[in-house]
Amino acid sequence: MMKTLAIYCFLMSILLCRPNTLAAQDRDTTGGKTEIIQDSRVDLLVKKHIQINQVLNTMDGFRIQVFSDSGTNSKNKAQATHDEFQARYPGLGVYLTFKSPNYKVRIGDFRTKLDAQRFLIELTADYPNAFIIADQINLPKTD
């Protein structure tokens, strides 16, 4: 016990006498400048990522699916639903897609699920089976 106390006192005296040696960070000698050292390929990857995003022109968002069917005559039914919806809501994007074996008609480019839910309420009378789905949406047009 006495030996432990002696060691503890010795260590405390060293720590208290030399506080500048325990600095958590070195003093800034560069005048506030930070140097980043990285592989040059990181810049190439960032540039490539930017180029891909500029070509895609899409982002994560939501659409409302109003039709999905497979089988006989499903393409004609999907096209009819597409045309009917486009006639009722001319300013809204209507998208007909085929992903084997289903034809799907999705509408809108909603950034938030809340926006999609608001519009879904309007559609429930005409499209009772419509539902919201997460999808890649088109970016808003900038004038």
Protein backbone atom coordinates (compact mmCIF):
# COMPACT_ATOMS: atom_id res chain seq x y z
CA MET A 1 0.00 0.00 0.00
CA MET A 2 2.79 2.38 0.94
CA LYS A 3 4.70 1.48 -2.21
CA THR A 4 1.64 2.24 -4.38
CA LEU A 5 1.16 5.60 -2.68
CA ALA A 6 4.82 6.48 -3.26
CA ILE A 7 4.56 5.63 -6.96
CA TYR A 8 1.35 7.65 -7.25
CA CYS A 9 2.97 10.71 -5.61
CA PHE A 10 6.03 10.39 -7.83
CA LEU A 11 3.94 10.29 -11.01
CA MET A 12 1.80 13.23 -9.90
CA SER A 13 4.87 15.34 -9.20
CA ILE A 14 6.19 14.61 -12.71
CA LEU A 15 2.87 15.50 -14.29
CA LEU A 16 2.45 18.71 -12.32
CA CYS A 17 5.99 19.93 -12.93
CA ARG A 18 5.90 19.48 -16.70
CA PRO A 19 2.40 20.47 -17.92
CA ASN A 20 3.57 21.66 -21.35
CA THR A 21 4.63 18.14 -22.31
CA LEU A 22 1.05 16.90 -21.98
CA ALA A 23 -0.51 19.22 -24.57
CA ALA A 24 -3.29 17.47 -26.45
CA GLN A 25 -2.42 19.22 -29.72
CA ASP A 26 0.72 20.67 -31.16
CA ARG A 27 0.95 24.39 -31.46
CA ASP A 28 -0.10 25.66 -34.89
CA THR A 29 3.04 26.69 -36.76
CA THR A 30 1.40 26.84 -40.23
CA GLY A 31 -0.55 30.05 -39.65
CA GLY A 32 -3.97 28.38 -39.62
CA LYS A 33 -3.60 26.47 -42.89
CA THR A 34 -4.52 22.83 -43.22
CA GLU A 35 -2.79 20.56 -45.69
CA ILE A 36 -4.81 17.65 -47.08
CA ILE A 37 -2.79 14.75 -48.34
CA GLN A 38 -4.82 12.34 -50.48
CA ASP A 39 -4.49 10.05 -53.42
CA SER A 40 -5.02 11.86 -56.76
CA ARG A 41 -7.55 9.20 -57.75
CA VAL A 42 -9.99 10.59 -55.15
CA ASP A 43 -10.38 13.76 -57.25
CA LEU A 44 -11.04 11.63 -60.33
CA LEU A 45 -13.75 9.68 -58.51
CA VAL A 46 -15.45 12.88 -57.32
CA LYS A 47 -15.41 14.32 -60.87
CA LYS A 48 -16.83 11.07 -62.26
CA HIS A 49 -19.60 11.09 -59.62
CA ILE A 50 -20.53 14.66 -60.59
CA GLN A 51 -20.63 13.76 -64.29
CA ILE A 52 -22.88 10.76 -63.67
CA ASN A 53 -25.30 12.85 -61.61
CA GLN A 54 -25.45 15.52 -64.32
CA VAL A 55 -26.36 12.91 -66.94
CA LEU A 56 -28.97 11.14 -64.82
CA ASN A 57 -30.99 14.22 -63.82
CA THR A 58 -32.86 12.16 -61.23
CA MET A 59 -33.12 12.04 -57.48
CA ASP A 60 -34.80 9.92 -54.80
CA GLY A 61 -38.45 10.78 -54.43
CA PHE A 62 -41.95 9.36 -54.68
CA ARG A 63 -44.52 8.52 -57.33
CA ILE A 64 -48.05 7.20 -57.20
CA GLN A 65 -48.66 3.90 -58.94
CA VAL A 66 -52.13 3.82 -60.48
CA PHE A 67 -51.83 0.69 -62.62
CA SER A 68 -49.93 -2.60 -62.67
CA ASP A 69 -50.85 -5.66 -64.68
CA SER A 70 -49.36 -8.61 -66.50
CA GLY A 71 -50.76 -11.05 -68.98
CA THR A 72 -53.00 -10.77 -71.98
CA ASN A 73 -53.70 -7.26 -73.19
CA SER A 74 -51.87 -5.66 -70.23
CA LYS A 75 -49.86 -3.38 -72.52
CA ASN A 76 -53.03 -1.96 -74.09
CA LYS A 77 -54.64 -1.50 -70.65
CA ALA A 78 -51.54 0.29 -69.38
CA GLN A 79 -51.46 2.56 -72.44
CA ALA A 80 -55.16 3.37 -72.01
CA THR A 81 -54.61 4.22 -68.32
CA HIS A 82 -51.61 6.37 -69.26
CA ASP A 83 -53.57 8.31 -71.91
CA GLU A 84 -56.64 8.71 -69.66
CA PHE A 85 -54.57 10.06 -66.79
CA GLN A 86 -52.63 12.40 -69.03
CA ALA A 87 -55.90 13.82 -70.37
CA ARG A 88 -57.25 14.42 -66.83
CA TYR A 89 -54.03 15.89 -65.39
CA PRO A 90 -52.08 17.38 -68.31
CA GLY A 91 -49.38 19.12 -66.24
CA LEU A 92 -48.37 16.06 -64.24
CA GLY A 93 -45.75 13.55 -65.37
CA VAL A 94 -47.17 10.16 -66.33
CA TYR A 95 -44.75 7.25 -66.76
CA LEU A 96 -45.50 3.90 -68.38
CA THR A 97 -42.84 1.28 -67.68
CA PHE A 98 -42.39 -2.40 -68.34
CA LYS A 99 -40.48 -4.59 -65.93
CA SER A 100 -41.09 -8.20 -66.78
CA PRO A 101 -43.81 -9.36 -66.49
CA ASN A 102 -45.65 -6.18 -65.41
CA TYR A 103 -46.67 -2.99 -67.13
CA LYS A 104 -46.91 -0.13 -64.66
CA VAL A 105 -48.25 3.40 -64.79
CA ARG A 106 -46.82 5.79 -62.22
CA ILE A 107 -47.51 9.47 -61.91
CA GLY A 108 -45.84 12.53 -60.47
CA ASP A 109 -42.40 13.63 -59.35
CA PHE A 110 -42.93 14.21 -55.65
CA ARG A 111 -39.93 15.14 -53.52
CA THR A 112 -41.60 14.18 -50.25
CA LYS A 113 -43.99 11.46 -49.26
CA LEU A 114 -46.29 14.10 -47.79
CA ASP A 115 -46.68 15.78 -51.19
CA ALA A 116 -47.53 12.40 -52.73
CA GLN A 117 -50.05 11.65 -49.97
CA ARG A 118 -51.83 14.96 -50.57
CA PHE A 119 -52.27 14.15 -54.24
CA LEU A 120 -53.21 10.53 -53.52
CA ILE A 121 -56.22 11.79 -51.55
CA GLU A 122 -57.48 13.48 -54.74
CA LEU A 123 -57.03 10.28 -56.75
CA THR A 124 -58.76 7.77 -54.48
CA ALA A 125 -62.19 8.32 -56.08
CA ASP A 126 -60.93 7.51 -59.59
CA TYR A 127 -58.08 5.16 -58.67
CA PRO A 128 -58.99 3.35 -55.43
CA ASN A 129 -56.04 0.93 -55.68
CA ALA A 130 -53.41 3.64 -56.18
CA PHE A 131 -50.50 3.73 -53.74
CA ILE A 132 -47.28 5.63 -53.10
CA ILE A 133 -43.96 4.12 -54.07
CA ALA A 134 -40.38 5.31 -53.65
CA ASP A 135 -38.80 5.90 -57.05
CA GLN A 136 -36.22 7.90 -58.94
CA ILE A 137 -37.92 11.13 -59.96
CA ASN A 138 -36.99 13.78 -62.49
CA LEU A 139 -35.33 16.90 -61.21
CA PRO A 140 -37.47 20.05 -61.29
CA LYS A 141 -37.05 22.09 -64.44
CA THR A 142 -35.12 25.31 -63.94
CA ASP A 143 -36.09 28.26 -66.09
